[in-house]
Amino acid sequence: MSEQDQDKPPEEVPVSEPESSPSEPEGSPSGPEGSPTVEAAAEPEPPKEEKPPWLLNPQVPQWQDEDDDPTAVSLRTSCPGAVLSARSFAGDLILVIRREQIAEVAECLKNELGFGYMVDIAGADYPDREERFEVVYHFYAHSEEKRIRLKVSTADGTSVPTVSHLWPGANWPEREVFDMYGIRFEGHPDMTRILTWEGFNGHPLRKEFPVEGIDTGAAIYPEYYDQSQGPISGDGTGWKVPEPPEEPVAEEAEEAEEEGPQGDGSPAGGPAENGATTDGAS
């Protein structure tokens, strides 16, 4: 190397900056080891479900007149005089039907209006009414997803036409209404009790029926009650079952044998049978 080369200052080597990765935006933070940290993409929020009106602004349902309801209009046309009133409550259509025409209306609902499913038959008791009992029917139309309720009134001792010939499943609910309320269904193939036994006294869901039962003790506890006796017949003990008679203790049994039937301490067979002598005997 010459002296002139030694006097020249060393040339600076340009340092190229590292190109940023296309996946790493400028200014992004780095990890602890210098590796870039990739932020997770924020998930979009799911759409908020719209609440039904009764949840947005809760209100107590009110009875609505439904004389113009298509089902009520159809029934009035097919069964003149059968529909006494048509109202709805909380979206459910409720029709009051003349008792004598309930089977006619039920057949029309099933065969003409699509209410092929019999949900239930129930009873109700209103003692202050002239016709104290109600029979309540619930039917459902799967094709329209619509439910309907029918009501008929009847007095004590007045039967209601059966609908068991239209829905075989109505057989047992009608028997239950008879068992609990005493309402008979005319034309039913087997009008017998279903929850209580034959011979049960009264009908448990009538308002005047006592919760402790009527003369039911003999059927439930025959070892404590005679026939026709029970918790409230005047000779029972309410819900408290009486204690069974205690067996005599062994000592008491021996004393009873020693006393004998005469109660004077002499043996049961008398003096002669036990070898005793009488006065003046040799």
Protein backbone atom coordinates (compact mmCIF):
# COMPACT_ATOMS: atom_id res chain seq x y z
CA MET A 1 0.00 0.00 0.00
CA SER A 2 1.40 3.42 -0.95
CA GLU A 3 1.68 6.41 1.38
CA GLN A 4 -1.04 8.20 -0.59
CA ASP A 5 -3.47 5.34 0.03
CA GLN A 6 -2.68 5.45 3.73
CA ASP A 7 -3.56 9.17 3.93
CA LYS A 8 -7.08 8.63 2.46
CA PRO A 9 -9.87 8.33 4.99
CA PRO A 10 -11.70 4.94 4.97
CA GLU A 11 -14.76 4.81 2.79
CA GLU A 12 -18.07 4.42 4.59
CA VAL A 13 -20.05 1.36 3.58
CA PRO A 14 -23.76 2.18 3.23
CA VAL A 15 -25.99 0.05 5.47
CA SER A 16 -29.29 -0.93 3.94
CA GLU A 17 -32.31 -0.92 6.22
CA PRO A 18 -34.23 -4.24 6.48
CA GLU A 19 -37.36 -4.26 4.43
CA SER A 20 -40.51 -4.51 6.55
CA SER A 21 -42.53 -7.68 6.17
CA PRO A 22 -45.72 -7.20 4.18
CA SER A 23 -47.66 -8.82 7.02
CA GLU A 24 -46.16 -6.43 9.58
CA PRO A 25 -47.50 -2.90 9.26
CA GLU A 26 -45.21 -0.06 10.10
CA GLY A 27 -45.28 0.91 13.72
CA SER A 28 -46.59 -2.47 14.88
CA PRO A 29 -45.30 -3.62 18.26
CA SER A 30 -42.80 -6.39 18.50
CA GLY A 31 -42.77 -9.40 20.75
CA PRO A 32 -40.29 -10.03 23.56
CA GLU A 33 -37.80 -11.64 21.17
CA GLY A 34 -38.20 -9.07 18.47
CA SER A 35 -40.76 -11.06 16.52
CA PRO A 36 -43.75 -9.04 15.35
CA THR A 37 -47.02 -9.48 17.30
CA VAL A 38 -50.05 -10.05 15.08
CA GLU A 39 -53.27 -8.66 16.48
CA ALA A 40 -56.31 -10.99 16.22
CA ALA A 41 -59.03 -9.71 13.94
CA ALA A 42 -62.08 -8.58 15.94
CA GLU A 43 -65.08 -10.88 15.39
CA PRO A 44 -68.21 -9.15 14.19
CA GLU A 45 -70.90 -8.83 16.83
CA PRO A 46 -73.89 -11.13 16.27
CA PRO A 47 -77.07 -9.35 15.30
CA LYS A 48 -79.28 -8.53 18.25
CA GLU A 49 -82.47 -10.52 18.38
CA GLU A 50 -85.58 -8.43 18.36
CA LYS A 51 -87.64 -8.95 21.49
CA PRO A 52 -91.33 -9.72 21.12
CA PRO A 53 -93.70 -6.89 21.99
CA TRP A 54 -94.70 -8.37 25.34
CA LEU A 55 -91.06 -8.23 26.46
CA LEU A 56 -90.35 -4.77 25.11
CA ASN A 57 -93.42 -3.29 26.73
CA PRO A 58 -94.99 -5.81 29.14
CA GLN A 59 -98.72 -5.37 29.55
CA VAL A 60 -101.38 -7.40 31.31
CA PRO A 61 -103.45 -9.28 28.69
CA GLN A 62 -107.01 -8.11 28.28
CA TRP A 63 -110.08 -9.92 27.06
CA GLN A 64 -110.87 -9.18 23.44
CA ASP A 65 -114.11 -9.74 21.54
CA GLU A 66 -113.60 -12.13 18.64
CA ASP A 67 -116.97 -12.24 16.91
CA ASP A 68 -115.21 -11.69 13.58
CA ASP A 69 -112.66 -14.47 14.10
CA PRO A 70 -112.70 -16.80 11.05
CA THR A 71 -113.07 -19.92 13.21
CA ALA A 72 -116.00 -18.45 15.13
CA VAL A 73 -117.66 -17.32 11.90
CA SER A 74 -117.25 -20.78 10.34
CA LEU A 75 -118.73 -22.50 13.39
CA ARG A 76 -121.70 -20.14 13.47
CA THR A 77 -122.33 -20.96 9.82
CA SER A 78 -121.94 -24.73 10.17
CA CYS A 79 -123.60 -25.05 13.60
CA PRO A 80 -126.29 -22.36 13.93
CA GLY A 81 -127.01 -21.33 17.50
CA ALA A 82 -124.09 -23.30 18.96
CA VAL A 83 -121.62 -20.43 19.64
CA LEU A 84 -122.85 -18.29 22.53
CA SER A 85 -119.79 -16.02 22.74
CA ALA A 86 -116.34 -15.64 21.19
CA ARG A 87 -113.48 -13.94 23.00
CA SER A 88 -109.71 -14.22 23.24
CA PHE A 89 -107.22 -13.86 26.06
CA ALA A 90 -103.47 -13.66 25.53
CA GLY A 91 -103.96 -14.76 21.94
CA ASP A 92 -106.06 -17.86 22.71
CA LEU A 93 -109.54 -18.08 21.18
CA ILE A 94 -112.22 -19.09 23.69
CA LEU A 95 -115.73 -20.05 22.61
CA VAL A 96 -118.68 -20.69 24.90
CA ILE A 97 -120.79 -23.45 23.34
CA ARG A 98 -124.35 -24.55 23.96
CA ARG A 99 -124.14 -27.78 25.94
CA GLU A 100 -126.44 -29.81 23.70
CA GLN A 101 -124.32 -28.99 20.62
CA ILE A 102 -120.82 -29.62 21.93
CA ALA A 103 -120.41 -32.89 20.00
CA GLU A 104 -121.65 -31.20 16.80
CA VAL A 105 -119.18 -28.35 17.20
CA ALA A 106 -116.31 -30.72 18.03
CA GLU A 107 -117.01 -32.74 14.89
CA CYS A 108 -116.97 -29.58 12.77
CA LEU A 109 -113.69 -28.47 14.32
CA LYS A 110 -112.09 -31.83 13.55
CA ASN A 111 -113.44 -32.56 10.07
CA GLU A 112 -113.81 -29.09 8.57
CA LEU A 113 -111.45 -26.72 10.36
CA GLY A 114 -108.39 -28.91 10.94
CA PHE A 115 -108.44 -29.15 14.74
CA GLY A 116 -107.53 -32.82 14.75
CA TYR A 117 -105.69 -32.96 18.06
CA MET A 118 -107.67 -33.19 21.29
CA VAL A 119 -105.30 -31.81 23.93
CA ASP A 120 -107.31 -32.14 27.11
CA ILE A 121 -110.73 -32.09 28.76
CA ALA A 122 -111.06 -30.62 32.24
CA GLY A 123 -113.72 -29.50 34.69
CA ALA A 124 -114.34 -26.47 36.90
CA ASP A 125 -116.72 -25.79 39.77
CA TYR A 126 -118.44 -22.44 40.44
CA PRO A 127 -120.94 -23.14 43.26
CA ASP A 128 -122.53 -19.67 43.10
CA ARG A 129 -123.69 -20.11 39.50
CA GLU A 130 -127.05 -21.55 38.54
CA GLU A 131 -125.19 -24.06 36.37
CA ARG A 132 -122.27 -24.56 38.66
CA PHE A 133 -120.01 -26.75 36.49
CA GLU A 134 -117.97 -26.06 33.38
CA VAL A 135 -116.43 -28.61 31.04
CA VAL A 136 -113.42 -27.14 29.23
CA TYR A 137 -112.05 -28.58 25.96
CA HIS A 138 -108.69 -27.77 24.36
CA PHE A 139 -108.07 -28.54 20.69
CA TYR A 140 -105.09 -27.82 18.44
CA ALA A 141 -104.66 -27.45 14.66
CA HIS A 142 -101.14 -28.43 13.59
CA SER A 143 -101.56 -27.02 10.09
CA GLU A 144 -102.20 -23.49 11.41
CA GLU A 145 -100.41 -23.86 14.77
CA LYS A 146 -103.57 -22.58 16.40
CA ARG A 147 -105.21 -23.52 19.68
CA ILE A 148 -108.84 -23.17 20.64
CA ARG A 149 -110.70 -23.56 23.92
CA LEU A 150 -114.36 -24.52 24.22
CA LYS A 151 -116.50 -24.19 27.34
CA VAL A 152 -119.90 -25.61 28.19
CA SER A 153 -121.91 -25.10 31.38
CA THR A 154 -123.99 -27.73 33.11
CA ALA A 155 -125.92 -28.13 36.32
CA ASP A 156 -125.49 -30.85 38.92
CA GLY A 157 -127.13 -34.00 37.58
CA THR A 158 -127.26 -32.80 33.93
CA SER A 159 -125.11 -34.84 31.56
CA VAL A 160 -122.95 -33.52 28.71
CA PRO A 161 -122.70 -35.24 25.29
CA THR A 162 -119.50 -37.26 24.93
CA VAL A 163 -116.86 -36.63 22.27
CA SER A 164 -115.14 -39.99 22.78
CA HIS A 165 -116.57 -41.24 19.48
CA LEU A 166 -114.60 -38.48 17.71
CA TRP A 167 -111.40 -38.78 19.75
CA PRO A 168 -110.84 -42.13 21.50
CA GLY A 169 -108.33 -40.29 23.68
CA ALA A 170 -111.25 -38.38 25.24
CA ASN A 171 -112.38 -41.54 27.02
CA TRP A 172 -110.15 -41.22 30.07
CA PRO A 173 -110.32 -37.41 30.48
CA GLU A 174 -114.14 -37.61 30.52
CA ARG A 175 -113.96 -40.35 33.14
CA GLU A 176 -111.63 -38.18 35.21
CA VAL A 177 -114.05 -35.24 35.05
CA PHE A 178 -116.83 -37.57 36.18
CA ASP A 179 -114.71 -38.95 39.01
CA MET A 180 -113.56 -35.55 40.29
CA TYR A 181 -116.77 -33.52 39.75
CA GLY A 182 -119.62 -35.97 39.22
CA ILE A 183 -120.37 -34.70 35.69
CA ARG A 184 -121.66 -37.53 33.51
CA PHE A 185 -121.11 -37.74 29.76
CA GLU A 186 -124.02 -39.06 27.75
CA GLY A 187 -123.01 -41.77 25.28
CA HIS A 188 -119.71 -42.60 26.99
CA PRO A 189 -118.87 -46.31 26.67
CA ASP A 190 -117.59 -46.73 30.26
CA MET A 191 -118.78 -44.02 32.64
CA THR A 192 -116.91 -45.27 35.73
CA ARG A 193 -114.39 -43.78 38.13
CA ILE A 194 -110.76 -43.74 37.08
CA LEU A 195 -108.72 -42.13 39.92
CA THR A 196 -110.68 -43.23 42.98
CA TRP A 197 -112.26 -46.58 43.67
CA GLU A 198 -115.85 -47.59 43.02
CA GLY A 199 -117.83 -46.80 46.14
CA PHE A 200 -115.77 -43.72 46.99
CA ASN A 201 -117.94 -41.19 48.80
CA GLY A 202 -118.19 -37.89 46.91
CA HIS A 203 -116.17 -36.14 44.22
CA PRO A 204 -112.87 -34.67 45.46
CA LEU A 205 -112.63 -31.50 43.29
CA ARG A 206 -116.02 -30.09 44.21
CA LYS A 207 -115.60 -26.97 46.29
CA GLU A 208 -117.57 -28.33 49.24
CA PHE A 209 -115.55 -31.54 49.45
CA PRO A 210 -113.46 -31.57 52.67
CA VAL A 211 -109.73 -32.10 52.26
CA GLU A 212 -109.77 -34.87 54.87
CA GLY A 213 -112.29 -36.92 52.89
CA ILE A 214 -115.74 -38.26 53.71
CA ASP A 215 -116.07 -41.62 55.45
CA THR A 216 -113.02 -42.95 53.66
CA GLY A 217 -111.40 -44.51 56.70
CA ALA A 218 -112.95 -47.94 56.25
CA ALA A 219 -111.53 -48.25 52.74
CA ILE A 220 -108.04 -47.04 53.69
CA TYR A 221 -107.70 -48.44 57.23
CA PRO A 222 -110.09 -51.41 57.52
CA GLU A 223 -108.25 -52.56 60.67
CA TYR A 224 -109.28 -49.35 62.46
CA TYR A 225 -112.66 -48.38 61.00
CA ASP A 226 -115.89 -50.28 60.52
CA GLN A 227 -117.80 -50.06 57.26
CA SER A 228 -118.96 -46.48 56.42
CA GLN A 229 -116.78 -45.03 59.19
CA GLY A 230 -114.03 -42.53 58.47
CA PRO A 231 -112.09 -39.47 59.50
CA ILE A 232 -115.04 -37.06 59.79
CA SER A 233 -118.06 -39.31 60.24
CA GLY A 234 -118.20 -38.48 63.95
CA ASP A 235 -116.57 -41.63 65.15
CA GLY A 236 -113.12 -41.25 63.62
CA THR A 237 -109.98 -39.39 64.61
CA GLY A 238 -109.30 -37.08 61.68
CA TRP A 239 -105.97 -37.65 59.95
CA LYS A 240 -104.48 -39.19 63.08
CA VAL A 241 -104.77 -42.93 62.75
CA PRO A 242 -105.95 -44.46 66.07
CA GLU A 243 -103.58 -46.74 67.93
CA PRO A 244 -104.34 -50.44 67.44
CA PRO A 245 -105.55 -52.25 70.60
CA GLU A 246 -102.63 -53.34 72.77
CA GLU A 247 -102.18 -57.03 73.42
CA PRO A 248 -102.50 -57.98 77.14
CA VAL A 249 -99.23 -58.42 79.02
CA ALA A 250 -98.42 -61.99 80.14
CA GLU A 251 -98.92 -61.17 83.84
CA GLU A 252 -102.34 -59.61 83.16
CA ALA A 253 -103.34 -62.66 81.17
CA GLU A 254 -102.36 -64.97 84.06
CA GLU A 255 -104.32 -62.86 86.56
CA ALA A 256 -107.36 -63.00 84.33
CA GLU A 257 -107.13 -66.79 84.19
CA GLU A 258 -106.77 -67.00 88.01
CA GLU A 259 -109.77 -64.75 88.64
CA GLY A 260 -112.00 -66.78 86.37
CA PRO A 261 -115.27 -65.71 84.85
CA GLN A 262 -116.98 -65.23 88.27
CA GLY A 263 -114.54 -62.53 89.31
CA ASP A 264 -114.35 -63.86 92.95
CA GLY A 265 -110.96 -65.48 92.70
CA SER A 266 -112.33 -69.02 92.33
CA PRO A 267 -111.10 -71.08 89.41
CA ALA A 268 -113.15 -71.20 86.29
CA GLY A 269 -114.34 -74.76 86.94
CA GLY A 270 -115.71 -74.13 90.49
CA PRO A 271 -114.72 -75.80 93.79
CA ALA A 272 -115.97 -79.30 92.97
CA GLU A 273 -113.84 -79.58 89.86
CA ASN A 274 -110.70 -78.78 91.86
CA GLY A 275 -111.11 -81.34 94.71
CA ALA A 276 -112.38 -78.83 97.29
CA THR A 277 -114.74 -80.16 100.04
CA THR A 278 -117.88 -78.50 101.19
CA ASP A 279 -119.01 -77.96 104.81
CA GLY A 280 -120.24 -81.18 106.46
CA ALA A 281 -118.58 -83.47 103.91
CA SER A 282 -116.77 -86.49 105.43
